[in-house]
Protein backbone atom coordinates (compact mmCIF):
# COMPACT_ATOMS: atom_id res chain seq x y z
CA MET A 1 -3.46 -3.53 -7.76
CA THR A 2 -7.28 -3.96 -8.54
CA ALA A 3 -8.50 -7.25 -9.40
CA HIS A 4 -10.91 -5.74 -11.74
CA SER A 5 -10.74 -5.70 -15.57
CA ARG A 6 -7.97 -3.11 -16.14
CA THR A 7 -5.05 -3.30 -18.62
CA ARG A 8 -1.61 -2.42 -17.05
CA SER A 9 0.72 -0.22 -18.85
CA ALA A 10 3.36 -1.83 -21.41
CA GLY A 11 6.55 -3.53 -19.41
CA LEU A 12 4.84 -3.63 -16.18
CA SER A 13 2.81 -6.55 -15.75
CA ARG A 14 2.56 -3.21 -7.34
CA ARG A 15 7.18 1.88 7.55
CA ARG A 16 8.14 2.88 10.34
CA LEU A 17 9.52 0.86 13.44
CA LEU A 18 6.42 -0.52 14.61
CA THR A 19 7.80 -1.83 17.91
CA ALA A 20 11.02 -3.26 19.24
CA ALA A 21 10.04 -6.38 17.34
CA LEU A 22 8.91 -5.55 14.16
CA ALA A 23 10.06 -2.70 11.58
CA THR A 24 7.93 -2.23 8.71
CA GLY A 25 8.25 0.10 5.70
CA GLY A 26 5.93 2.56 9.92
CA ALA A 27 -2.45 16.62 1.19
CA ALA A 28 -2.48 18.34 1.30
CA ALA A 29 -6.41 17.79 1.21
CA ALA A 30 -9.38 16.69 3.11
CA ALA A 31 -12.43 15.39 1.22
CA THR A 32 -15.83 15.89 2.25
CA ALA A 33 -18.77 13.51 2.15
CA ALA A 34 -19.85 15.04 -0.72
CA GLY A 35 -16.68 15.15 -2.60
CA THR A 36 -15.59 18.55 -1.94
CA ALA A 37 -11.79 18.86 -1.38
CA TYR A 38 -9.80 21.29 0.28
CA ALA A 39 -6.34 21.88 0.61
CA THR A 40 -4.85 21.19 3.90
CA ARG A 41 -1.64 23.68 5.12
CA PRO A 42 0.70 22.57 8.24
CA ASP A 43 -0.95 25.27 10.59
CA GLY A 44 -4.45 23.48 10.07
CA ALA A 45 -6.38 26.00 8.06
CA THR A 46 -7.69 25.02 4.73
CA ALA A 47 -8.08 26.47 1.39
CA ASP A 48 -9.88 25.56 -1.81
CA LEU A 49 -8.02 22.56 -3.48
CA ARG A 50 -6.08 23.00 -6.75
CA ALA A 51 -4.28 20.41 -8.56
CA ALA A 52 -1.27 22.74 -8.26
CA ASP A 53 -1.22 22.83 -4.32
CA TYR A 54 0.14 19.17 -4.73
CA PRO A 55 3.50 18.66 -4.50
CA GLY A 56 5.63 16.88 -7.49
CA PRO A 57 7.26 13.64 -6.38
CA GLY A 58 10.92 14.03 -5.04
CA ALA A 59 13.97 13.42 -6.75
CA VAL A 60 14.60 9.66 -7.87
CA THR A 61 17.20 8.24 -10.47
CA GLY A 62 18.00 4.96 -11.90
CA ASP A 63 15.72 1.90 -12.09
CA VAL A 64 12.15 3.88 -11.09
CA GLU A 65 9.76 2.02 -13.07
CA VAL A 66 7.63 0.14 -10.74
CA HIS A 67 3.99 -0.71 -9.91
CA ASP A 68 2.56 -1.00 -6.32
CA PRO A 69 5.86 -0.26 -4.66
CA GLY A 70 6.67 -1.73 -0.86
CA PHE A 71 9.47 -0.23 0.84
CA VAL A 72 11.31 -1.67 4.16
CA LYS A 73 14.13 -0.33 5.74
CA ARG A 74 17.42 -2.64 6.13
CA PRO A 75 18.98 -3.24 9.18
CA GLY A 76 22.24 -2.49 7.87
CA GLY A 77 21.31 0.51 6.00
CA GLY A 78 19.40 1.62 2.84
CA TYR A 79 16.28 0.36 1.66
CA LEU A 80 14.58 -2.74 -0.16
CA VAL A 81 11.91 -2.38 -2.44
CA ALA A 82 9.41 -4.96 -3.84
CA HIS A 83 6.62 -4.42 -6.46
CA THR A 84 4.33 -6.16 -8.65
CA ALA A 85 6.17 -7.99 -11.33
CA PRO A 86 6.44 -11.20 -12.79
CA ASP A 87 7.96 -13.11 -9.82
CA ILE A 88 7.64 -10.11 -7.94
CA ALA A 89 10.58 -7.29 -8.56
CA LEU A 90 12.96 -6.18 -5.98
CA LYS A 91 15.05 -2.98 -5.81
CA THR A 92 17.58 -1.55 -3.74
CA SER A 93 18.77 2.09 -2.67
CA GLY A 94 21.20 3.48 -0.37
CA ASP A 95 19.88 6.66 -0.05
CA ARG A 96 15.92 6.78 -0.98
CA THR A 97 16.96 8.57 -3.97
CA ALA A 98 18.92 6.39 -6.33
CA PHE A 99 17.49 2.72 -7.00
CA ARG A 100 18.81 0.03 -8.93
CA ASP A 101 17.12 -3.51 -9.84
CA ALA A 102 17.58 -6.19 -7.82
CA GLY A 103 16.23 -9.26 -9.68
CA THR A 104 13.20 -11.02 -8.52
CA VAL A 105 11.95 -13.13 -5.17
CA PHE A 106 11.12 -16.08 -7.14
CA PRO A 107 13.80 -16.27 -10.38
CA GLY A 108 12.32 -19.90 -10.64
CA GLY A 109 8.84 -18.99 -10.75
CA ALA A 110 5.93 -19.56 -8.04
CA PRO A 111 3.86 -22.38 -9.21
CA TRP A 112 1.98 -22.85 -6.08
CA THR A 113 0.29 -19.86 -6.95
CA THR A 114 -1.38 -21.22 -10.49
CA GLU A 115 -4.38 -22.16 -8.79
CA TYR A 116 -5.40 -18.13 -8.26
CA THR A 117 -3.08 -17.09 -11.07
CA GLY A 118 -3.97 -19.39 -14.10
CA GLY A 119 -0.42 -19.62 -14.58
CA ASP A 120 0.37 -16.02 -15.07
CA ARG A 121 3.80 -15.22 -12.96
CA ASN A 122 2.58 -11.64 -12.52
CA LEU A 123 2.12 -11.25 -8.95
CA TRP A 124 0.57 -8.49 -7.21
CA ALA A 125 1.18 -5.70 -4.59
CA PRO A 126 3.82 -7.06 -2.21
CA HIS A 127 4.19 -5.74 1.07
CA LEU A 128 7.62 -5.69 3.24
CA SER A 129 8.29 -5.82 6.78
CA TYR A 130 11.56 -6.84 8.83
CA ALA A 131 11.56 -8.45 12.27
CA ASP A 132 13.42 -10.90 14.34
CA GLY A 133 16.38 -11.15 11.95
CA ARG A 134 14.21 -11.94 9.01
CA TYR A 135 11.98 -10.19 6.21
CA LEU A 136 8.68 -11.03 5.79
CA LEU A 137 6.78 -10.45 2.29
CA TYR A 138 3.36 -10.73 1.72
CA TYR A 139 2.09 -11.01 -1.75
CA SER A 140 -1.20 -11.40 -3.67
CA ALA A 141 -2.19 -13.97 -6.34
CA SER A 142 -5.25 -13.40 -8.41
CA THR A 143 -6.55 -12.44 -12.08
CA PHE A 144 -8.21 -9.24 -13.16
CA GLY A 145 -11.80 -9.13 -12.45
CA SER A 146 -12.02 -12.37 -10.07
CA ASN A 147 -11.97 -12.49 -6.25
CA ARG A 148 -10.54 -15.95 -6.37
CA SER A 149 -7.44 -14.57 -5.02
CA ALA A 150 -4.80 -15.55 -2.29
CA ILE A 151 -2.59 -13.55 -0.10
CA PHE A 152 0.83 -15.64 0.75
CA LEU A 153 3.93 -15.24 2.93
CA ALA A 154 7.52 -15.57 2.04
CA THR A 155 10.45 -15.05 4.11
CA SER A 156 14.00 -14.72 3.62
CA THR A 157 17.24 -13.67 6.17
CA SER A 158 18.86 -11.34 3.43
CA GLY A 159 16.16 -10.14 1.37
CA ASP A 160 17.81 -10.92 -2.12
CA SER A 161 16.89 -12.53 -5.18
CA GLY A 162 16.25 -16.00 -5.00
CA THR A 163 16.60 -16.40 -1.16
CA TRP A 164 12.97 -16.45 -0.17
CA THR A 165 11.17 -19.20 1.01
CA ASP A 166 7.19 -19.44 0.65
CA GLN A 167 5.48 -20.08 3.75
CA GLY A 168 1.76 -20.87 2.20
CA VAL A 169 -1.34 -19.34 2.14
CA VAL A 170 -2.30 -16.52 4.78
CA VAL A 171 -6.03 -16.07 3.64
CA GLU A 172 -7.88 -16.68 0.50
CA SER A 173 -11.22 -15.38 -0.97
CA TRP A 174 -13.65 -17.48 -3.33
CA THR A 175 -16.18 -16.49 -5.85
CA SER A 176 -19.07 -17.03 -3.30
CA GLN A 177 -17.73 -14.45 -0.92
CA ASP A 178 -17.72 -10.58 -0.48
CA PHE A 179 -14.15 -9.73 -0.33
CA ASN A 180 -11.32 -9.95 -2.13
CA ALA A 181 -7.94 -11.36 -0.48
CA ILE A 182 -5.00 -9.03 -2.32
CA ASP A 183 -3.07 -5.90 -1.44
CA PRO A 184 -2.06 -7.13 2.15
CA HIS A 185 -0.30 -4.89 4.66
CA LEU A 186 1.31 -5.59 7.89
CA SER A 187 1.28 -3.50 11.11
CA ALA A 188 1.64 -3.61 14.74
CA ASP A 189 -0.43 -1.82 17.51
CA ALA A 190 0.91 -0.33 20.34
CA GLN A 191 0.77 -3.32 22.55
CA GLY A 192 2.85 -5.04 20.06
CA ARG A 193 0.14 -7.44 18.21
CA TRP A 194 0.22 -7.86 14.64
CA TRP A 195 -2.55 -7.22 12.15
CA LEU A 196 -2.89 -7.35 8.36
CA ALA A 197 -5.11 -5.23 6.17
CA PHE A 198 -6.10 -6.29 2.65
CA GLY A 199 -8.85 -5.91 0.05
CA SER A 200 -10.32 -4.57 -3.20
CA TYR A 201 -13.60 -3.50 -4.22
CA TRP A 202 -16.20 -5.79 -3.49
CA SER A 203 -16.98 -5.11 0.33
CA GLY A 204 -13.69 -3.06 0.76
CA ILE A 205 -10.82 -3.32 3.19
CA LYS A 206 -10.60 -6.00 5.55
CA MET A 207 -8.26 -6.42 8.55
CA ILE A 208 -7.10 -10.04 10.56
CA ARG A 209 -5.08 -10.64 13.30
CA ILE A 210 -1.42 -12.42 12.63
CA ASP A 211 1.00 -14.36 14.79
CA PRO A 212 4.31 -13.20 15.04
CA ALA A 213 5.68 -16.47 15.36
CA THR A 214 4.51 -17.77 12.47
CA GLY A 215 3.74 -14.71 10.24
CA LYS A 216 -0.06 -16.36 9.87
CA ARG A 217 -3.46 -15.65 10.64
CA LEU A 218 -4.08 -15.77 14.60
CA GLY A 219 -7.87 -16.67 15.18
CA ASP A 220 -11.10 -16.21 13.30
CA ALA A 221 -11.85 -12.83 13.69
CA TRP A 222 -12.80 -10.32 11.13
CA HIS A 223 -12.87 -6.47 10.76
CA SER A 224 -14.29 -4.15 8.26
CA LEU A 225 -12.25 -0.98 8.13
CA ALA A 226 -13.53 0.61 4.84
CA GLY A 227 -15.87 0.31 2.03
CA ARG A 228 -17.73 2.01 -1.09
CA GLY A 229 -20.39 -0.20 -1.70
CA GLY A 230 -18.52 -2.26 -4.03
CA ASP A 231 -16.90 1.17 -5.59
CA SER A 232 -13.22 1.33 -6.13
CA ILE A 233 -11.08 1.19 -2.66
CA GLU A 234 -7.73 -0.78 -2.25
CA ALA A 235 -4.37 -0.71 -1.03
CA PRO A 236 -5.05 -0.63 2.63
CA THR A 237 -2.08 1.06 4.39
CA VAL A 238 -1.91 1.35 8.19
CA PHE A 239 0.47 3.85 10.04
CA ARG A 240 0.45 5.01 13.80
CA HIS A 241 1.10 8.46 14.57
CA GLY A 242 0.43 10.75 17.69
CA GLY A 243 -1.51 7.93 19.52
CA ARG A 244 -3.81 7.54 16.26
CA TYR A 245 -3.85 4.72 13.54
CA TYR A 246 -4.35 6.13 9.78
CA LEU A 247 -5.80 3.97 7.09
CA PHE A 248 -4.56 5.35 3.98
CA VAL A 249 -6.38 3.78 0.68
CA SER A 250 -6.55 4.03 -3.01
CA PHE A 251 -10.02 5.50 -4.63
CA GLY A 252 -10.36 5.42 -8.27
CA ALA A 253 -9.03 3.65 -11.49
CA CYS A 254 -5.46 2.10 -11.23
CA CYS A 255 -3.85 0.46 -14.26
CA GLN A 256 -4.94 2.63 -17.12
CA GLY A 257 -1.89 4.68 -17.98
CA ALA A 258 -2.12 8.30 -18.25
CA ASP A 259 -6.10 7.76 -17.81
CA SER A 260 -5.95 6.52 -14.44
CA THR A 261 -7.64 8.20 -11.51
CA TYR A 262 -6.44 6.64 -8.64
CA ARG A 263 -6.04 9.14 -5.63
CA VAL A 264 -4.68 8.67 -2.08
CA MET A 265 -7.55 8.77 0.60
CA ALA A 266 -7.21 8.60 4.25
CA GLY A 267 -9.10 8.20 7.73
CA ARG A 268 -8.17 7.80 11.39
CA SER A 269 -9.07 5.81 14.62
CA ASP A 270 -8.20 5.66 18.01
CA ASP A 271 -7.88 1.71 17.77
CA ILE A 272 -6.47 -0.01 15.00
CA ALA A 273 -9.56 -2.34 14.27
CA GLY A 274 -11.20 0.67 13.58
CA PRO A 275 -13.72 2.43 13.35
CA TYR A 276 -11.93 5.10 10.83
CA TYR A 277 -13.53 8.82 10.15
CA ASP A 278 -12.36 10.96 7.46
CA ARG A 279 -11.75 14.60 8.54
CA GLY A 280 -15.50 15.56 7.90
CA GLY A 281 -16.32 12.81 10.50
CA THR A 282 -17.65 10.17 7.61
CA PRO A 283 -17.00 6.85 8.58
CA MET A 284 -14.95 4.88 6.02
CA THR A 285 -17.15 2.11 6.24
CA SER A 286 -19.94 4.47 4.71
CA GLY A 287 -17.31 5.64 2.07
CA GLY A 288 -15.65 8.32 3.79
CA GLY A 289 -11.98 9.44 2.88
CA THR A 290 -9.79 12.61 3.04
CA GLU A 291 -7.76 13.09 -0.11
CA ILE A 292 -3.96 13.26 0.74
CA LEU A 293 -2.80 13.06 -3.23
CA ALA A 294 -4.44 13.29 -6.43
CA GLY A 295 -3.39 13.71 -9.90
CA HIS A 296 -1.97 16.88 -11.10
CA GLY A 297 -0.08 18.47 -14.19
CA GLY A 298 1.75 15.21 -15.52
CA ILE A 299 1.28 13.26 -12.50
CA HIS A 300 -1.35 10.91 -13.20
CA GLY A 301 -3.57 8.63 -10.83
CA PRO A 302 -0.88 8.16 -8.00
CA GLY A 303 -1.85 5.43 -5.67
CA HIS A 304 -1.30 2.14 -3.86
CA GLN A 305 0.87 4.15 -1.80
CA ASP A 306 3.18 2.84 1.19
CA VAL A 307 3.90 4.70 4.42
CA PHE A 308 6.77 4.32 6.64
CA ALA A 309 8.87 6.65 9.09
CA ASP A 310 12.24 7.59 8.15
CA SER A 311 15.29 9.27 9.95
CA ASP A 312 14.29 12.86 8.28
CA SER A 313 10.62 12.60 8.02
CA ASP A 314 7.54 10.26 7.36
CA ILE A 315 7.34 8.76 3.77
CA LEU A 316 4.70 8.32 1.65
CA ALA A 317 5.86 6.11 -1.27
CA TYR A 318 3.49 5.39 -4.48
CA HIS A 319 3.26 4.79 -8.12
CA TYR A 320 2.06 7.02 -10.81
CA TYR A 321 1.76 7.57 -14.31
CA ALA A 322 3.80 9.58 -16.80
CA ASP A 323 2.02 11.18 -19.75
CA ASP A 324 3.28 8.59 -21.79
CA GLY A 325 1.76 5.89 -19.68
CA THR A 326 4.94 4.52 -17.97
CA ALA A 327 4.17 3.80 -14.10
CA LEU A 328 6.93 5.58 -11.75
CA LEU A 329 8.08 5.49 -8.34
CA GLY A 330 6.58 8.71 -6.43
CA VAL A 331 8.49 9.43 -3.09
CA ASN A 332 7.31 12.24 -0.81
CA ARG A 333 7.50 13.63 2.84
CA LEU A 334 4.70 13.29 5.03
CA GLY A 335 3.70 15.80 7.46
CA TRP A 336 1.16 16.40 9.73
CA ASP A 337 -1.12 19.53 10.33
CA GLY A 338 -2.00 20.96 13.43
CA ALA A 339 -5.25 19.03 13.86
CA GLY A 340 -3.11 15.54 13.34
CA TRP A 341 -3.85 15.30 9.76
CA PRO A 342 -1.52 14.33 6.98
CA TYR A 343 -0.17 16.02 4.14
CA VAL A 344 2.49 15.63 1.53
CA HIS A 345 5.23 18.07 0.89
């Protein structure tokens, strides 16, 4: 979800078991600093990138119109998905293929967000986790073109529509500040500490500590993970693999239907708080990013990704636009080449 002026397509107003305590819903190309991209093969070799090198989304059926999807594996089996919509929409799936609508998080609305939304019920970019017998949902409240924004936390023991209790603001941004508090993503490091990444445009992607006992901010420290000098970057996802942390973000224009130029980029770090570097060694704080997935054929603007570990593979979930501008769910397996970089298959 971008907070810059965009028009959303009609009808759509937006994790790996990280530790024993926290389960969160945890390309084939590399982009050089000059913008040249290379397709990455599983053996670590590279070749000139062509759009056809990217696979299509895996088969999904049922209610698959989404924007900014966030996944979590349910403790009893199956999946819960939350996505951008009025009152935050929910979907369920038993097999990661067939999806059905499951109501909204806040059927009666969320009037406590009005200060940030101007009364619009459309809430953005939800991220789901499950820990200690409850679901945690971080979500954004803002308006297009403004960084007067806030990230809220809601919790539920079942995840079902209408059972969520809002826990208040986690972090907010003001127009006098140089960051934007939207697009949250909760993750845990190897020591079990919780972290929240977030951000869109402005000075880029930020990270703060989270108290596992409350789900709220812990301490006053800020970390800058990535930025493009005010250019497009948003939707951070942090995923731990092979002893490293991978930061996935979206570059390009969201929310313009088939004209969207969203694409998924990544960097990695030995520390969850950075610094993150792309495959060519460019810091992500200096605009670096290795391309993982971009538009190809009838798949337009894939982005606002979620990454999680499943029983059969690591998974990349995202939205993309069809030729008619409809925002749809994309799900692909995520592999890792010989040099430890992700690719979509």
